[in-house]
C-alpha atoms as a PDB file:
ATOM      1  CA  UNK A   1       0.000   0.000   0.000  1.00  0.00           C
ATOM      2  CA  UNK A   2       1.343   3.430  -0.937  1.00  0.00           C
ATOM      3  CA  UNK A   3       1.852   5.582   2.152  1.00  0.00           C
ATOM      4  CA  UNK A   4       0.266   9.007   1.727  1.00  0.00           C
ATOM      5  CA  UNK A   5      -0.883  11.788   3.990  1.00  0.00           C
ATOM      6  CA  UNK A   6      -4.394  10.311   3.816  1.00  0.00           C
ATOM      7  CA  UNK A   7      -3.182   7.041   5.325  1.00  0.00           C
ATOM      8  CA  UNK A   8      -0.616   8.411   7.773  1.00  0.00           C
ATOM      9  CA  UNK A   9      -2.321  11.532   9.122  1.00  0.00           C
ATOM     10  CA  UNK A  10      -5.151  10.023  11.161  1.00  0.00           C
ATOM     11  CA  UNK A  11      -3.026   7.560  13.112  1.00  0.00           C
ATOM     12  CA  UNK A  12       0.589   8.626  13.210  1.00  0.00           C
ATOM     13  CA  UNK A  13       0.287  12.398  13.472  1.00  0.00           C
ATOM     14  CA  UNK A  14      -2.674  12.362  15.830  1.00  0.00           C
ATOM     15  CA  UNK A  15      -0.895   9.881  18.061  1.00  0.00           C
ATOM     16  CA  UNK A  16       2.131  12.159  18.181  1.00  0.00           C
ATOM     17  CA  UNK A  17      -0.008  15.232  18.853  1.00  0.00           C
ATOM     18  CA  UNK A  18      -2.016  13.663  21.655  1.00  0.00           C
ATOM     19  CA  UNK A  19       1.017  11.983  23.168  1.00  0.00           C
ATOM     20  CA  UNK A  20       2.866  15.292  23.352  1.00  0.00           C
ATOM     21  CA  UNK A  21      -0.184  17.230  24.526  1.00  0.00           C
ATOM     22  CA  UNK A  22      -1.255  14.825  27.251  1.00  0.00           C
ATOM     23  CA  UNK A  23       1.819  13.029  28.544  1.00  0.00           C
ATOM     24  CA  UNK A  24       4.770  15.340  28.051  1.00  0.00           C
ATOM     25  CA  UNK A  25       6.630  16.071  31.261  1.00  0.00           C
ATOM     26  CA  UNK A  26       6.015  19.560  32.549  1.00  0.00           C
ATOM     27  CA  UNK A  27       8.912  21.985  32.350  1.00  0.00           C
ATOM     28  CA  UNK A  28      10.034  23.824  35.447  1.00  0.00           C
ATOM     29  CA  UNK A  29       8.163  27.102  35.879  1.00  0.00           C
ATOM     30  CA  UNK A  30       9.600  29.781  33.632  1.00  0.00           C
ATOM     31  CA  UNK A  31      11.711  27.362  31.556  1.00  0.00           C
ATOM     32  CA  UNK A  32       9.452  27.588  28.496  1.00  0.00           C
ATOM     33  CA  UNK A  33       6.770  30.003  27.317  1.00  0.00           C
ATOM     34  CA  UNK A  34       3.243  29.506  28.613  1.00  0.00           C
ATOM     35  CA  UNK A  35       1.616  28.793  25.235  1.00  0.00           C
ATOM     36  CA  UNK A  36      -2.021  29.891  25.131  1.00  0.00           C
ATOM     37  CA  UNK A  37      -2.811  29.910  21.421  1.00  0.00           C
ATOM     38  CA  UNK A  38      -1.528  29.304  17.913  1.00  0.00           C
ATOM     39  CA  UNK A  39      -0.553  31.291  14.817  1.00  0.00           C
ATOM     40  CA  UNK A  40      -0.546  30.220  11.163  1.00  0.00           C
ATOM     41  CA  UNK A  41       0.373  32.219   8.076  1.00  0.00           C
ATOM     42  CA  UNK A  42      -0.964  31.181   4.677  1.00  0.00           C
ATOM     43  CA  UNK A  43       0.103  32.461   1.276  1.00  0.00           C
ATOM     44  CA  UNK A  44      -2.661  32.667  -1.320  1.00  0.00           C
ATOM     45  CA  UNK A  45      -3.569  34.090  -4.687  1.00  0.00           C
ATOM     46  CA  UNK A  46      -6.854  35.516  -3.316  1.00  0.00           C
ATOM     47  CA  UNK A  47      -6.932  36.952   0.212  1.00  0.00           C
ATOM     48  CA  UNK A  48     -10.648  37.742   0.149  1.00  0.00           C
ATOM     49  CA  UNK A  49     -11.667  34.231  -0.928  1.00  0.00           C
ATOM     50  CA  UNK A  50      -9.507  32.470   1.669  1.00  0.00           C
ATOM     51  CA  UNK A  51     -10.456  34.863   4.498  1.00  0.00           C
ATOM     52  CA  UNK A  52     -14.137  34.305   3.683  1.00  0.00           C
ATOM     53  CA  UNK A  53     -13.679  30.509   3.779  1.00  0.00           C
ATOM     54  CA  UNK A  54     -12.057  30.539   7.247  1.00  0.00           C
ATOM     55  CA  UNK A  55     -14.630  33.028   8.517  1.00  0.00           C
ATOM     56  CA  UNK A  56     -17.732  31.341   7.111  1.00  0.00           C
ATOM     57  CA  UNK A  57     -16.715  27.724   7.681  1.00  0.00           C
ATOM     58  CA  UNK A  58     -14.576  27.775  10.823  1.00  0.00           C
ATOM     59  CA  UNK A  59     -15.936  30.868  12.578  1.00  0.00           C
ATOM     60  CA  UNK A  60     -12.804  33.032  12.476  1.00  0.00           C
ATOM     61  CA  UNK A  61     -13.385  36.772  12.811  1.00  0.00           C
ATOM     62  CA  UNK A  62     -11.698  39.012  10.248  1.00  0.00           C
ATOM     63  CA  UNK A  63      -9.907  41.483  12.516  1.00  0.00           C
ATOM     64  CA  UNK A  64      -8.099  43.471   9.847  1.00  0.00           C
ATOM     65  CA  UNK A  65      -7.618  43.564   6.093  1.00  0.00           C
ATOM     66  CA  UNK A  66      -5.372  45.806   4.072  1.00  0.00           C
ATOM     67  CA  UNK A  67      -2.557  46.302   1.632  1.00  0.00           C
ATOM     68  CA  UNK A  68       1.026  47.275   2.433  1.00  0.00           C
ATOM     69  CA  UNK A  69       3.030  49.868   0.460  1.00  0.00           C
ATOM     70  CA  UNK A  70       4.961  46.916  -1.036  1.00  0.00           C
ATOM     71  CA  UNK A  71       1.733  45.595  -2.581  1.00  0.00           C
ATOM     72  CA  UNK A  72       1.078  42.741  -0.142  1.00  0.00           C
ATOM     73  CA  UNK A  73      -2.631  42.240   0.486  1.00  0.00           C
ATOM     74  CA  UNK A  74      -3.361  40.709   3.890  1.00  0.00           C
ATOM     75  CA  UNK A  75      -6.044  39.627   6.328  1.00  0.00           C
ATOM     76  CA  UNK A  76      -5.678  38.857  10.033  1.00  0.00           C
ATOM     77  CA  UNK A  77      -8.269  36.474  11.486  1.00  0.00           C
ATOM     78  CA  UNK A  78      -8.749  35.260  15.051  1.00  0.00           C
ATOM     79  CA  UNK A  79     -10.760  32.834  17.109  1.00  0.00           C
ATOM     80  CA  UNK A  80     -10.291  31.388  20.608  1.00  0.00           C
ATOM     81  CA  UNK A  81      -6.567  32.060  20.907  1.00  0.00           C
ATOM     82  CA  UNK A  82      -5.757  31.104  17.305  1.00  0.00           C
ATOM     83  CA  UNK A  83      -4.558  33.669  14.755  1.00  0.00           C
ATOM     84  CA  UNK A  84      -4.390  33.213  10.997  1.00  0.00           C
ATOM     85  CA  UNK A  85      -2.477  35.627   8.798  1.00  0.00           C
ATOM     86  CA  UNK A  86      -3.391  35.375   5.111  1.00  0.00           C
ATOM     87  CA  UNK A  87      -0.979  37.004   2.654  1.00  0.00           C
ATOM     88  CA  UNK A  88      -1.264  37.637  -1.051  1.00  0.00           C
ATOM     89  CA  UNK A  89       2.329  38.277  -2.069  1.00  0.00           C
ATOM     90  CA  UNK A  90       2.901  39.805  -5.512  1.00  0.00           C
ATOM     91  CA  UNK A  91       5.687  37.348  -6.387  1.00  0.00           C
ATOM     92  CA  UNK A  92       4.283  34.114  -4.910  1.00  0.00           C
ATOM     93  CA  UNK A  93       3.370  31.181  -7.133  1.00  0.00           C
ATOM     94  CA  UNK A  94       1.650  27.828  -6.690  1.00  0.00           C
ATOM     95  CA  UNK A  95       3.570  24.615  -6.019  1.00  0.00           C
ATOM     96  CA  UNK A  96       2.770  23.462  -9.536  1.00  0.00           C
ATOM     97  CA  UNK A  97       4.130  26.696 -11.041  1.00  0.00           C
ATOM     98  CA  UNK A  98       7.437  25.967  -9.302  1.00  0.00           C
ATOM     99  CA  UNK A  99       7.391  22.430 -10.723  1.00  0.00           C
ATOM    100  CA  UNK A 100       6.767  20.846  -7.313  1.00  0.00           C
ATOM    101  CA  UNK A 101       4.413  17.886  -6.815  1.00  0.00           C
ATOM    102  CA  UNK A 102       0.902  18.968  -5.758  1.00  0.00           C
ATOM    103  CA  UNK A 103       0.763  16.420  -2.903  1.00  0.00           C
ATOM    104  CA  UNK A 104       1.735  18.076   0.406  1.00  0.00           C
ATOM    105  CA  UNK A 105       3.578  14.977   1.630  1.00  0.00           C
ATOM    106  CA  UNK A 106       5.936  15.127  -1.380  1.00  0.00           C
ATOM    107  CA  UNK A 107       7.695  18.317  -0.246  1.00  0.00           C
ATOM    108  CA  UNK A 108       9.235  19.058   3.142  1.00  0.00           C
ATOM    109  CA  UNK A 109       7.831  21.899   5.202  1.00  0.00           C
ATOM    110  CA  UNK A 110       4.528  22.674   6.843  1.00  0.00           C
ATOM    111  CA  UNK A 111       2.123  19.880   5.985  1.00  0.00           C
ATOM    112  CA  UNK A 112      -1.142  21.055   7.555  1.00  0.00           C
ATOM    113  CA  UNK A 113      -2.730  23.104  10.293  1.00  0.00           C
ATOM    114  CA  UNK A 114      -4.734  21.672  13.170  1.00  0.00           C
ATOM    115  CA  UNK A 115      -7.451  23.110  15.341  1.00  0.00           C
ATOM    116  CA  UNK A 116      -9.038  21.777  18.525  1.00  0.00           C
ATOM    117  CA  UNK A 117     -12.842  21.779  18.696  1.00  0.00           C
ATOM    118  CA  UNK A 118     -15.248  21.058  21.548  1.00  0.00           C
ATOM    119  CA  UNK A 119     -17.622  18.870  19.511  1.00  0.00           C
ATOM    120  CA  UNK A 120     -16.145  16.952  16.602  1.00  0.00           C
ATOM    121  CA  UNK A 121     -19.524  15.487  15.564  1.00  0.00           C
ATOM    122  CA  UNK A 122     -21.100  18.949  15.295  1.00  0.00           C
ATOM    123  CA  UNK A 123     -18.070  20.207  13.350  1.00  0.00           C
ATOM    124  CA  UNK A 124     -18.305  17.224  10.995  1.00  0.00           C
ATOM    125  CA  UNK A 125     -22.055  17.810  10.478  1.00  0.00           C
ATOM    126  CA  UNK A 126     -21.404  21.473   9.613  1.00  0.00           C
ATOM    127  CA  UNK A 127     -18.619  20.545   7.192  1.00  0.00           C
ATOM    128  CA  UNK A 128     -20.894  18.051   5.424  1.00  0.00           C
ATOM    129  CA  UNK A 129     -23.852  20.475   5.356  1.00  0.00           C
ATOM    130  CA  UNK A 130     -21.609  23.089   3.701  1.00  0.00           C
ATOM    131  CA  UNK A 131     -20.219  20.516   1.215  1.00  0.00           C
ATOM    132  CA  UNK A 132     -16.648  21.321   2.242  1.00  0.00           C
ATOM    133  CA  UNK A 133     -13.780  19.449   0.585  1.00  0.00           C
ATOM    134  CA  UNK A 134     -13.193  16.475   2.906  1.00  0.00           C
ATOM    135  CA  UNK A 135      -9.612  15.235   3.015  1.00  0.00           C
ATOM    136  CA  UNK A 136     -10.468  12.310   5.289  1.00  0.00           C
ATOM    137  CA  UNK A 137     -13.603  11.497   7.347  1.00  0.00           C
ATOM    138  CA  UNK A 138     -13.740  11.221  11.153  1.00  0.00           C
ATOM    139  CA  UNK A 139     -11.512   8.517  12.560  1.00  0.00           C
ATOM    140  CA  UNK A 140     -10.665   7.331  16.052  1.00  0.00           C
ATOM    141  CA  UNK A 141      -7.126   5.966  16.043  1.00  0.00           C
ATOM    142  CA  UNK A 142      -6.570   3.173  18.580  1.00  0.00           C
ATOM    143  CA  UNK A 143      -5.191   4.152  21.981  1.00  0.00           C
ATOM    144  CA  UNK A 144      -5.695   7.873  21.267  1.00  0.00           C
ATOM    145  CA  UNK A 145      -8.253   9.876  23.273  1.00  0.00           C
ATOM    146  CA  UNK A 146      -9.262  12.259  20.473  1.00  0.00           C
ATOM    147  CA  UNK A 147     -10.943  11.757  17.128  1.00  0.00           C
ATOM    148  CA  UNK A 148     -10.078  13.740  14.024  1.00  0.00           C
ATOM    149  CA  UNK A 149     -11.071  14.572  10.454  1.00  0.00           C
ATOM    150  CA  UNK A 150      -9.473  16.626   7.723  1.00  0.00           C
ATOM    151  CA  UNK A 151     -10.650  19.275   5.284  1.00  0.00           C
ATOM    152  CA  UNK A 152      -9.003  21.173   2.452  1.00  0.00           C
ATOM    153  CA  UNK A 153      -9.439  24.921   2.128  1.00  0.00           C
ATOM    154  CA  UNK A 154      -9.927  26.502  -1.342  1.00  0.00           C
ATOM    155  CA  UNK A 155      -6.140  26.634  -1.865  1.00  0.00           C
ATOM    156  CA  UNK A 156      -5.716  22.942  -0.977  1.00  0.00           C
ATOM    157  CA  UNK A 157      -4.233  23.501   2.493  1.00  0.00           C
ATOM    158  CA  UNK A 158      -5.080  20.654   4.871  1.00  0.00           C
ATOM    159  CA  UNK A 159      -7.021  21.720   7.966  1.00  0.00           C
ATOM    160  CA  UNK A 160      -7.306  18.935  10.549  1.00  0.00           C
ATOM    161  CA  UNK A 161      -9.847  19.206  13.372  1.00  0.00           C
ATOM    162  CA  UNK A 162      -9.378  17.329  16.664  1.00  0.00           C
ATOM    163  CA  UNK A 163     -11.939  16.777  19.386  1.00  0.00           C
ATOM    164  CA  UNK A 164     -13.974  14.486  21.559  1.00  0.00           C
END
């Protein structure tokens, strides 16, 4: 069987995530930052389209939109301690335009983003009702306390949701 992100993501990456999140030894006070949220930056060819997708489908608020003097269009979105910066850079190109394989697992670097939700079933129902691009359906990997499913945003970025 060919190993792809679709076959590895649900088990291997979730197991790593949950293992680190639930069983990692605590650092002495002050040794590491007290992380209370997350930040992701996405490059796109259409800031408005991608900002609308994250707002309408995942409930992110659009805090600010604009354009820099250098011609970079941007949007800053937030929700529950998570920030997403969406950039439309004048010189950016798609993976295919660079001659790279379209599959995210074929190139090193950021593979996907993940978000924690309080109700995975409700999130799945909303994704299905909105006919979102499903990357993989809900799964419960063995010996892992959380379930997960994956979506693709309009640019093909993988967005994985975790929850009970």
